[in-house]
N, C-alpha and C. Protein backbone atom coordinates (compact mmCIF):
# COMPACT_ATOMS: atom_id res chain seq x y z
N MET A 1 -144.52 54.28 -18.58
CA MET A 1 -144.78 53.24 -17.58
C MET A 1 -143.55 52.19 -16.97
N GLU A 2 -142.46 52.07 -15.72
CA GLU A 2 -141.66 51.26 -15.71
C GLU A 2 -142.52 49.94 -14.42
N GLN A 3 -142.39 49.09 -14.76
CA GLN A 3 -143.18 47.92 -13.73
C GLN A 3 -141.85 47.16 -13.00
N ASN A 4 -141.90 46.70 -12.38
CA ASN A 4 -141.87 45.74 -11.09
C ASN A 4 -142.31 44.34 -11.08
N LEU A 5 -142.21 43.96 -12.48
CA LEU A 5 -142.80 42.54 -12.36
C LEU A 5 -142.22 41.68 -12.57
N ILE A 6 -142.91 40.23 -11.42
CA ILE A 6 -141.80 39.27 -10.95
C ILE A 6 -143.17 38.53 -11.28
N LYS A 7 -142.54 36.82 -11.15
CA LYS A 7 -143.60 35.97 -11.35
C LYS A 7 -143.40 35.28 -10.15
N ILE A 8 -144.42 34.58 -9.59
CA ILE A 8 -144.43 34.12 -8.15
C ILE A 8 -145.99 32.46 -8.41
N THR A 9 -145.10 31.78 -6.55
CA THR A 9 -145.60 30.73 -6.77
C THR A 9 -145.68 30.70 -5.12
N THR A 10 -147.41 30.29 -5.10
CA THR A 10 -147.83 30.53 -3.76
C THR A 10 -147.75 29.50 -3.27
N THR A 11 -147.97 29.41 -1.94
CA THR A 11 -148.47 28.06 -1.44
C THR A 11 -149.52 27.29 -1.68
N PHE A 12 -150.60 28.03 -2.48
CA PHE A 12 -151.86 27.13 -2.63
C PHE A 12 -151.33 27.23 -4.07
N HIS A 13 -150.23 26.66 -4.47
CA HIS A 13 -150.15 26.30 -6.44
C HIS A 13 -150.66 26.79 -7.14
N ASN A 14 -150.67 28.60 -7.16
CA ASN A 14 -150.78 29.04 -7.98
C ASN A 14 -149.73 30.28 -8.53
N THR A 15 -149.70 30.18 -9.68
CA THR A 15 -148.58 30.60 -10.30
C THR A 15 -148.83 32.46 -10.23
N TRP A 16 -148.28 33.49 -10.41
CA TRP A 16 -148.97 34.74 -10.69
C TRP A 16 -148.55 35.67 -11.47
N LEU A 17 -147.96 36.19 -12.03
CA LEU A 17 -147.38 37.89 -12.28
C LEU A 17 -147.82 38.63 -11.74
N VAL A 18 -147.42 40.09 -10.69
CA VAL A 18 -147.01 40.95 -10.17
C VAL A 18 -146.51 41.80 -10.30
N SER A 19 -147.30 43.17 -10.79
CA SER A 19 -146.78 44.12 -11.23
C SER A 19 -146.17 44.52 -10.02
N GLN A 20 -145.62 44.59 -9.16
CA GLN A 20 -145.11 44.92 -6.96
C GLN A 20 -145.56 46.74 -7.82
N LYS A 21 -146.06 47.65 -6.06
CA LYS A 21 -146.39 48.88 -6.15
C LYS A 21 -146.05 48.71 -4.94
N LYS A 22 -146.03 50.33 -4.27
CA LYS A 22 -145.61 50.63 -3.21
C LYS A 22 -147.04 50.67 -2.35
N ASP A 23 -147.34 50.28 -1.12
CA ASP A 23 -148.49 50.62 -0.10
C ASP A 23 -147.90 50.79 1.49
N THR A 24 -148.85 51.28 2.01
CA THR A 24 -147.95 51.11 3.31
C THR A 24 -148.23 50.26 4.28
N PHE A 25 -150.17 49.68 3.64
CA PHE A 25 -150.79 48.88 4.51
C PHE A 25 -150.16 47.52 4.37
N SER A 26 -149.35 47.09 3.06
CA SER A 26 -149.30 45.87 2.41
C SER A 26 -148.06 45.76 2.88
N GLU A 27 -146.69 46.66 3.31
CA GLU A 27 -145.77 46.74 3.33
C GLU A 27 -145.36 46.73 4.87
N GLU A 28 -146.07 47.47 6.20
CA GLU A 28 -146.27 46.83 7.08
C GLU A 28 -146.42 45.46 7.72
N ASN A 29 -147.86 45.04 6.77
CA ASN A 29 -148.47 43.45 6.71
C ASN A 29 -147.32 42.43 6.32
N ASP A 30 -146.67 42.91 5.44
CA ASP A 30 -145.59 41.80 4.99
C ASP A 30 -146.74 41.09 3.87
N ILE A 31 -147.28 42.22 2.98
CA ILE A 31 -148.19 41.38 2.51
C ILE A 31 -147.65 42.01 0.23
N LEU A 32 -147.27 40.90 -0.37
CA LEU A 32 -147.73 41.22 -1.71
C LEU A 32 -148.75 42.21 -2.11
N PHE A 33 -148.89 43.51 -2.33
CA PHE A 33 -149.18 44.23 -3.22
C PHE A 33 -149.25 45.39 -4.60
N GLY A 34 -150.18 44.66 -5.62
CA GLY A 34 -149.52 45.40 -7.12
C GLY A 34 -150.91 44.78 -7.95
N ASP A 35 -150.63 44.82 -9.51
CA ASP A 35 -151.34 44.74 -10.60
C ASP A 35 -150.79 42.93 -10.47
N THR A 36 -152.27 42.50 -10.51
CA THR A 36 -152.04 41.14 -10.90
C THR A 36 -152.57 40.00 -11.54
N LEU A 37 -151.99 39.02 -12.45
CA LEU A 37 -152.46 38.26 -13.20
C LEU A 37 -152.17 36.63 -13.12
N ARG A 38 -153.28 35.86 -12.74
CA ARG A 38 -153.08 34.44 -12.46
C ARG A 38 -152.79 33.86 -13.59
N LEU A 39 -151.50 32.60 -13.77
CA LEU A 39 -151.51 32.59 -14.97
C LEU A 39 -152.11 30.53 -15.08
N SER A 40 -152.23 30.27 -13.39
CA SER A 40 -152.39 28.79 -12.82
C SER A 40 -153.83 29.11 -12.97
N ILE A 41 -154.52 28.52 -14.26
CA ILE A 41 -155.98 28.27 -14.39
C ILE A 41 -156.49 27.13 -14.73
N SER A 42 -157.50 26.87 -14.80
CA SER A 42 -158.25 25.93 -15.40
C SER A 42 -158.41 26.22 -17.38
N LYS A 43 -158.90 24.96 -18.36
CA LYS A 43 -159.64 24.86 -19.56
C LYS A 43 -160.22 25.97 -19.08
N ASN A 44 -161.25 25.60 -18.17
CA ASN A 44 -162.64 26.39 -17.78
C ASN A 44 -163.36 27.77 -17.71
N ASP A 45 -161.61 28.26 -17.38
CA ASP A 45 -161.56 29.42 -16.68
C ASP A 45 -161.25 30.64 -17.15
N SER A 46 -160.91 31.59 -16.75
CA SER A 46 -160.15 33.19 -17.69
C SER A 46 -159.48 33.49 -17.17
N TYR A 47 -159.17 34.30 -18.15
CA TYR A 47 -157.94 34.96 -17.28
C TYR A 47 -157.72 36.32 -16.84
N PHE A 48 -157.31 36.67 -16.48
CA PHE A 48 -158.57 37.73 -15.59
C PHE A 48 -157.11 39.23 -14.39
N PHE A 49 -156.85 40.14 -15.12
CA PHE A 49 -156.34 40.94 -14.82
C PHE A 49 -156.63 41.98 -13.50
N SER A 50 -155.84 42.13 -12.42
CA SER A 50 -156.27 43.02 -11.35
C SER A 50 -155.96 43.92 -10.75
N GLU A 51 -156.32 45.12 -10.47
CA GLU A 51 -155.30 46.23 -9.78
C GLU A 51 -155.28 46.54 -9.35
N ALA A 52 -154.22 46.45 -8.40
CA ALA A 52 -154.07 47.12 -7.75
C ALA A 52 -154.03 46.38 -6.46
N ILE A 53 -153.84 45.36 -5.92
CA ILE A 53 -154.88 44.10 -4.72
C ILE A 53 -153.55 43.89 -3.83
N ALA A 54 -153.88 43.71 -2.83
CA ALA A 54 -153.46 42.80 -2.06
C ALA A 54 -152.78 41.59 -1.99
N LEU A 55 -152.16 40.82 -2.69
CA LEU A 55 -152.44 39.26 -2.60
C LEU A 55 -151.88 38.13 -2.17
N THR A 56 -151.40 38.55 -1.30
CA THR A 56 -150.94 36.97 -0.68
C THR A 56 -149.36 37.97 0.15
N TYR A 57 -149.60 36.37 1.85
CA TYR A 57 -148.45 37.43 2.71
C TYR A 57 -147.13 36.25 1.67
N ASN A 58 -146.06 37.64 1.82
CA ASN A 58 -144.68 37.22 1.28
C ASN A 58 -144.50 35.82 2.01
N LYS A 59 -145.25 35.44 3.64
CA LYS A 59 -145.06 34.69 3.46
C LYS A 59 -144.99 33.27 2.77
N GLU A 60 -146.24 33.83 2.12
CA GLU A 60 -147.08 32.41 1.44
C GLU A 60 -146.29 32.16 -0.26
N ILE A 61 -145.39 32.71 -0.35
CA ILE A 61 -144.69 32.62 -1.65
C ILE A 61 -143.46 32.12 -1.75
N LEU A 62 -143.54 30.78 -2.33
CA LEU A 62 -143.02 29.35 -2.32
C LEU A 62 -141.64 29.58 -3.52
N SER A 63 -141.86 30.93 -4.39
CA SER A 63 -140.60 31.53 -5.52
C SER A 63 -141.30 32.52 -6.21
N ARG A 64 -140.22 33.18 -6.03
CA ARG A 64 -140.24 34.45 -6.81
C ARG A 64 -138.89 34.17 -8.17
N GLU A 65 -139.40 34.10 -9.15
CA GLU A 65 -138.49 34.29 -10.34
C GLU A 65 -138.81 35.77 -11.79
N MET A 66 -138.27 35.94 -12.36
CA MET A 66 -138.24 36.81 -13.77
C MET A 66 -139.09 35.78 -14.11
N PRO A 67 -140.54 36.86 -15.10
CA PRO A 67 -141.29 36.27 -15.72
C PRO A 67 -140.45 36.06 -17.54
N THR A 68 -140.57 35.71 -18.14
CA THR A 68 -140.26 35.48 -19.57
C THR A 68 -140.39 36.28 -20.76
N ASP A 69 -139.87 36.85 -21.60
CA ASP A 69 -140.16 38.31 -22.13
C ASP A 69 -141.58 37.96 -22.77
N SER A 70 -142.62 36.61 -22.99
CA SER A 70 -143.05 36.37 -23.70
C SER A 70 -145.04 36.28 -22.43
N GLU A 71 -144.51 36.04 -21.26
CA GLU A 71 -145.17 36.09 -19.67
C GLU A 71 -145.49 37.08 -19.72
N ILE A 72 -144.32 38.82 -20.03
CA ILE A 72 -144.19 40.02 -19.68
C ILE A 72 -145.29 41.01 -20.50
N GLU A 73 -145.20 40.14 -22.17
CA GLU A 73 -146.21 40.76 -23.66
C GLU A 73 -147.95 40.58 -22.75
N PHE A 74 -148.07 39.10 -22.22
CA PHE A 74 -149.33 38.45 -21.70
C PHE A 74 -149.97 39.48 -20.45
N PHE A 75 -148.72 39.59 -19.61
CA PHE A 75 -149.19 40.85 -18.66
C PHE A 75 -150.04 41.70 -19.54
N ASP A 76 -149.03 42.41 -20.42
CA ASP A 76 -149.12 44.05 -20.73
C ASP A 76 -150.41 43.45 -22.25
N TYR A 77 -151.25 42.36 -22.29
CA TYR A 77 -151.85 42.73 -23.45
C TYR A 77 -153.20 42.13 -22.46
N MET A 78 -153.35 41.35 -21.60
CA MET A 78 -154.23 41.28 -19.66
C MET A 78 -154.27 42.14 -19.67
N LYS A 79 -153.55 43.33 -19.32
CA LYS A 79 -153.29 44.53 -19.52
C LYS A 79 -154.81 45.41 -19.36
N MET A 80 -154.70 45.12 -20.86
CA MET A 80 -155.86 46.10 -22.67
C MET A 80 -156.73 45.02 -21.89
N ALA A 81 -156.15 43.84 -22.14
CA ALA A 81 -157.99 42.98 -22.50
C ALA A 81 -159.14 42.93 -20.90
N GLU A 82 -157.84 43.50 -19.98
CA GLU A 82 -158.98 42.74 -18.44
C GLU A 82 -159.28 41.24 -18.13
N GLU A 83 -160.11 40.96 -19.56
CA GLU A 83 -160.25 39.36 -19.36
C GLU A 83 -160.45 38.55 -20.81
N LYS A 84 -160.04 37.62 -20.30
CA LYS A 84 -160.06 36.46 -22.33
C LYS A 84 -160.47 34.88 -21.30
N MET A 85 -161.11 34.33 -21.92
CA MET A 85 -161.70 33.23 -21.83
C MET A 85 -159.92 32.13 -22.55
N PHE A 86 -160.05 31.21 -21.37
CA PHE A 86 -158.93 30.08 -21.76
C PHE A 86 -159.06 30.19 -23.74
N SER A 87 -158.15 29.68 -24.13
CA SER A 87 -158.03 28.97 -25.44
C SER A 87 -156.51 28.33 -25.62
N LYS A 88 -156.78 27.37 -26.16
CA LYS A 88 -155.49 26.70 -26.49
C LYS A 88 -154.37 27.35 -27.15
N SER A 89 -154.77 28.38 -27.95
CA SER A 89 -154.13 29.94 -28.95
C SER A 89 -153.55 30.28 -28.42
N LEU A 90 -154.70 31.34 -27.64
CA LEU A 90 -154.67 32.01 -26.69
C LEU A 90 -152.76 31.58 -25.88
N ALA A 91 -153.14 30.47 -25.05
CA ALA A 91 -151.76 29.61 -24.13
C ALA A 91 -151.31 29.99 -24.84
N ALA A 92 -150.83 29.28 -26.15
CA ALA A 92 -149.92 28.76 -27.05
C ALA A 92 -148.76 30.36 -27.60
N LYS A 93 -149.69 31.45 -28.19
CA LYS A 93 -149.50 32.09 -28.44
C LYS A 93 -148.57 33.09 -27.16
N TYR A 94 -148.50 32.91 -25.70
CA TYR A 94 -147.60 34.06 -25.01
C TYR A 94 -146.96 32.52 -24.33
N GLY A 95 -146.58 31.39 -24.31
CA GLY A 95 -146.22 30.24 -23.97
C GLY A 95 -146.84 29.75 -22.49
N VAL A 96 -147.90 30.14 -22.46
CA VAL A 96 -148.36 29.81 -20.38
C VAL A 96 -148.99 28.61 -20.48
N GLN A 97 -148.74 27.71 -21.49
CA GLN A 97 -149.27 26.21 -22.11
C GLN A 97 -149.07 25.87 -20.03
N ALA A 98 -147.92 25.51 -19.79
CA ALA A 98 -147.42 24.83 -19.03
C ALA A 98 -148.69 25.05 -17.75
N TYR A 99 -148.90 26.47 -17.28
CA TYR A 99 -149.81 26.60 -16.15
C TYR A 99 -151.22 25.92 -16.30
N VAL A 100 -151.42 25.66 -16.69
CA VAL A 100 -153.47 25.46 -17.31
C VAL A 100 -153.05 24.26 -16.87
N THR A 101 -154.17 23.77 -16.39
CA THR A 101 -154.52 23.02 -15.23
C THR A 101 -155.66 22.07 -16.04
N PRO A 102 -156.26 20.18 -16.12
CA PRO A 102 -157.42 20.33 -16.56
C PRO A 102 -158.72 21.13 -15.47
N GLY A 103 -159.91 21.09 -16.34
CA GLY A 103 -161.36 21.46 -15.45
C GLY A 103 -161.70 20.30 -15.00
N PRO A 104 -162.69 20.70 -14.22
CA PRO A 104 -162.94 19.39 -13.54
C PRO A 104 -163.87 19.03 -14.31
N THR A 105 -164.31 17.52 -14.24
CA THR A 105 -164.66 16.35 -15.03
C THR A 105 -165.75 15.82 -15.24
N ALA A 106 -166.83 15.89 -16.13
CA ALA A 106 -168.35 15.56 -15.71
C ALA A 106 -168.63 14.32 -16.02
N ASP A 107 -169.25 13.65 -14.33
CA ASP A 107 -169.72 12.58 -14.58
C ASP A 107 -170.76 11.63 -15.28
């Protein structure tokens, strides 16, 4: 199955991998629609794969890029796993460490 996978950064400073899908409502309302995986998470968060969601308005997308081969592998892995807690080894294996932000610190 061919996927139309892109990497986007939004005005909310989140980076996502999105396998774009056709959806009449989304096309009529200029919304990006598809299967998604957010790369920009905190160290206390989980990676979570979502199917067929209306992610954001196209006007809120700051950049569109081709994902790297390792990011594509990560997307495919998460499609099967669905949810995985952040770990340094997982992020390193797929080369997505740059997107990880420090979690909130306890006082």
